[in-house]
Amino acid sequence: MAKKPLERPEIVKPGGTEGEERTRLTNFSSKKRTSSEAPKTVRMTAAEKMMAQELVEAVQELTNKNITLSTVLRAALYLARDAGPEKTLKIIKEYI
C-alpha cells in the first residue's frame, strides 16, 4: 500500500482593509507586564523629569499602591486617548 504524498495548503498573505495603506507588522507582547520587563527609555528634559517626579510623589501620597513614573506615563496614555486626538494635538503643540 503506497502512501499518498503530503499536500500542504497554499500560503496566503492576509489582505489589508479597504482604504488602508500597507504598514509594517509590529511585534508586541501579549503577556502581562511584570517587573522583569526590560526598561524602556523615555527622553525628557531636566524640567520634565522634575515635573514627573513631583507628580509621581503627589499621586503616591493619595494611595498605598506603588506608583512609578512608568505608571503615570501609562495613565497619561489612557487620558490622552479619552481626550481625543484634537485635544491631544493641542497639548502637544502647546507644551512640546
C-alpha atoms as a PDB file:
ATOM      1  CA  MET A   1       0.000   0.000   0.000  1.00  0.00           C
ATOM      2  CA  ALA A   2       1.726   3.219  -1.192  1.00  0.00           C
ATOM      3  CA  LYS A   3       1.327   6.365   0.871  1.00  0.00           C
ATOM      4  CA  LYS A   4      -0.191   9.415  -0.722  1.00  0.00           C
ATOM      5  CA  PRO A   5       2.244  12.376  -0.982  1.00  0.00           C
ATOM      6  CA  LEU A   6       1.765  15.082   1.649  1.00  0.00           C
ATOM      7  CA  GLU A   7      -0.254  18.017   0.357  1.00  0.00           C
ATOM      8  CA  ARG A   8       0.215  21.321   2.085  1.00  0.00           C
ATOM      9  CA  PRO A   9      -2.216  24.211   1.751  1.00  0.00           C
ATOM     10  CA  GLU A  10      -1.023  27.218  -0.188  1.00  0.00           C
ATOM     11  CA  ILE A  11       0.253  30.081   1.976  1.00  0.00           C
ATOM     12  CA  VAL A  12      -1.915  33.161   1.579  1.00  0.00           C
ATOM     13  CA  LYS A  13      -0.891  36.559   2.929  1.00  0.00           C
ATOM     14  CA  PRO A  14      -3.645  38.363   4.826  1.00  0.00           C
ATOM     15  CA  GLY A  15      -5.148  41.252   2.882  1.00  0.00           C
ATOM     16  CA  GLY A  16      -5.450  44.767   4.262  1.00  0.00           C
ATOM     17  CA  THR A  17      -8.710  46.507   4.867  1.00  0.00           C
ATOM     18  CA  GLU A  18     -10.121  48.787   2.214  1.00  0.00           C
ATOM     19  CA  GLY A  19      -8.699  52.316   2.206  1.00  0.00           C
ATOM     20  CA  GLU A  20      -5.804  51.369   4.473  1.00  0.00           C
ATOM     21  CA  GLU A  21      -2.185  51.579   3.373  1.00  0.00           C
ATOM     22  CA  ARG A  22       0.031  48.590   3.992  1.00  0.00           C
ATOM     23  CA  THR A  23       2.117  49.080   7.095  1.00  0.00           C
ATOM     24  CA  ARG A  24       4.890  47.051   8.633  1.00  0.00           C
ATOM     25  CA  LEU A  25       3.931  44.415  11.118  1.00  0.00           C
ATOM     26  CA  THR A  26       4.964  45.146  14.672  1.00  0.00           C
ATOM     27  CA  ASN A  27       5.726  42.542  17.295  1.00  0.00           C
ATOM     28  CA  PHE A  28       4.137  43.052  20.660  1.00  0.00           C
ATOM     29  CA  SER A  29       3.961  41.017  23.801  1.00  0.00           C
ATOM     30  CA  SER A  30       0.583  39.873  24.998  1.00  0.00           C
ATOM     31  CA  LYS A  31       1.977  38.679  28.315  1.00  0.00           C
ATOM     32  CA  LYS A  32       1.103  40.516  31.500  1.00  0.00           C
ATOM     33  CA  ARG A  33       3.694  43.158  32.263  1.00  0.00           C
ATOM     34  CA  THR A  34       5.909  42.308  35.216  1.00  0.00           C
ATOM     35  CA  SER A  35       8.901  43.836  36.925  1.00  0.00           C
ATOM     36  CA  SER A  36      11.139  41.566  34.850  1.00  0.00           C
ATOM     37  CA  GLU A  37      10.207  43.508  31.708  1.00  0.00           C
ATOM     38  CA  ALA A  38      13.103  45.298  30.037  1.00  0.00           C
ATOM     39  CA  PRO A  39      13.014  49.018  30.855  1.00  0.00           C
ATOM     40  CA  LYS A  40      12.057  51.442  28.095  1.00  0.00           C
ATOM     41  CA  THR A  41      13.917  54.702  27.513  1.00  0.00           C
ATOM     42  CA  VAL A  42      11.937  57.932  27.507  1.00  0.00           C
ATOM     43  CA  ARG A  43      13.851  61.117  26.842  1.00  0.00           C
ATOM     44  CA  MET A  44      12.894  64.124  28.956  1.00  0.00           C
ATOM     45  CA  THR A  45      14.375  67.474  29.808  1.00  0.00           C
ATOM     46  CA  ALA A  46      15.502  68.135  33.359  1.00  0.00           C
ATOM     47  CA  ALA A  47      12.403  70.268  33.985  1.00  0.00           C
ATOM     48  CA  GLU A  48      10.150  67.472  32.668  1.00  0.00           C
ATOM     49  CA  LYS A  49      11.895  64.955  34.923  1.00  0.00           C
ATOM     50  CA  MET A  50      11.318  67.170  37.957  1.00  0.00           C
ATOM     51  CA  MET A  51       7.680  67.728  36.993  1.00  0.00           C
ATOM     52  CA  ALA A  52       7.194  63.987  36.509  1.00  0.00           C
ATOM     53  CA  GLN A  53       8.786  63.163  39.864  1.00  0.00           C
ATOM     54  CA  GLU A  54       6.619  65.743  41.651  1.00  0.00           C
ATOM     55  CA  LEU A  55       3.522  64.266  40.017  1.00  0.00           C
ATOM     56  CA  VAL A  56       4.552  60.722  40.982  1.00  0.00           C
ATOM     57  CA  GLU A  57       5.058  61.813  44.597  1.00  0.00           C
ATOM     58  CA  ALA A  58       1.698  63.652  44.679  1.00  0.00           C
ATOM     59  CA  VAL A  59      -0.157  60.613  43.303  1.00  0.00           C
ATOM     60  CA  GLN A  60       1.754  58.289  45.648  1.00  0.00           C
ATOM     61  CA  GLU A  61       0.501  60.294  48.643  1.00  0.00           C
ATOM     62  CA  LEU A  62      -3.108  59.526  47.614  1.00  0.00           C
ATOM     63  CA  THR A  63      -2.720  55.741  47.631  1.00  0.00           C
ATOM     64  CA  ASN A  64      -0.923  52.908  49.333  1.00  0.00           C
ATOM     65  CA  LYS A  65      -0.072  51.268  45.990  1.00  0.00           C
ATOM     66  CA  ASN A  66       3.364  51.578  44.391  1.00  0.00           C
ATOM     67  CA  ILE A  67       3.148  54.391  41.832  1.00  0.00           C
ATOM     68  CA  THR A  68       6.109  54.794  39.491  1.00  0.00           C
ATOM     69  CA  LEU A  69       6.875  57.122  36.627  1.00  0.00           C
ATOM     70  CA  SER A  70       6.005  54.407  34.132  1.00  0.00           C
ATOM     71  CA  THR A  71       2.604  54.009  35.836  1.00  0.00           C
ATOM     72  CA  VAL A  72       1.964  57.735  35.484  1.00  0.00           C
ATOM     73  CA  LEU A  73       3.074  57.697  31.829  1.00  0.00           C
ATOM     74  CA  ARG A  74       0.790  54.758  31.065  1.00  0.00           C
ATOM     75  CA  ALA A  75      -2.101  56.563  32.792  1.00  0.00           C
ATOM     76  CA  ALA A  76      -1.349  59.634  30.657  1.00  0.00           C
ATOM     77  CA  LEU A  77      -1.694  57.476  27.555  1.00  0.00           C
ATOM     78  CA  TYR A  78      -5.221  56.496  28.585  1.00  0.00           C
ATOM     79  CA  LEU A  79      -6.070  60.122  29.433  1.00  0.00           C
ATOM     80  CA  ALA A  80      -4.849  61.229  26.003  1.00  0.00           C
ATOM     81  CA  ARG A  81      -6.932  58.526  24.315  1.00  0.00           C
ATOM     82  CA  ASP A  82     -10.043  59.612  26.223  1.00  0.00           C
ATOM     83  CA  ALA A  83      -9.413  63.288  25.440  1.00  0.00           C
ATOM     84  CA  GLY A  84      -9.272  62.559  21.724  1.00  0.00           C
ATOM     85  CA  PRO A  85      -6.730  63.325  19.016  1.00  0.00           C
ATOM     86  CA  GLU A  86      -7.635  67.016  18.624  1.00  0.00           C
ATOM     87  CA  LYS A  87      -7.144  67.876  22.284  1.00  0.00           C
ATOM     88  CA  THR A  88      -4.004  65.712  22.469  1.00  0.00           C
ATOM     89  CA  LEU A  89      -2.519  67.534  19.471  1.00  0.00           C
ATOM     90  CA  LYS A  90      -3.380  70.883  21.069  1.00  0.00           C
ATOM     91  CA  ILE A  91      -1.497  69.900  24.239  1.00  0.00           C
ATOM     92  CA  ILE A  92       1.468  68.646  22.196  1.00  0.00           C
ATOM     93  CA  LYS A  93       1.664  71.933  20.282  1.00  0.00           C
ATOM     94  CA  GLU A  94       1.307  73.966  23.468  1.00  0.00           C
ATOM     95  CA  TYR A  95       3.857  72.183  25.650  1.00  0.00           C
ATOM     96  CA  ILE A  96       6.161  70.090  23.480  1.00  0.00           C
END
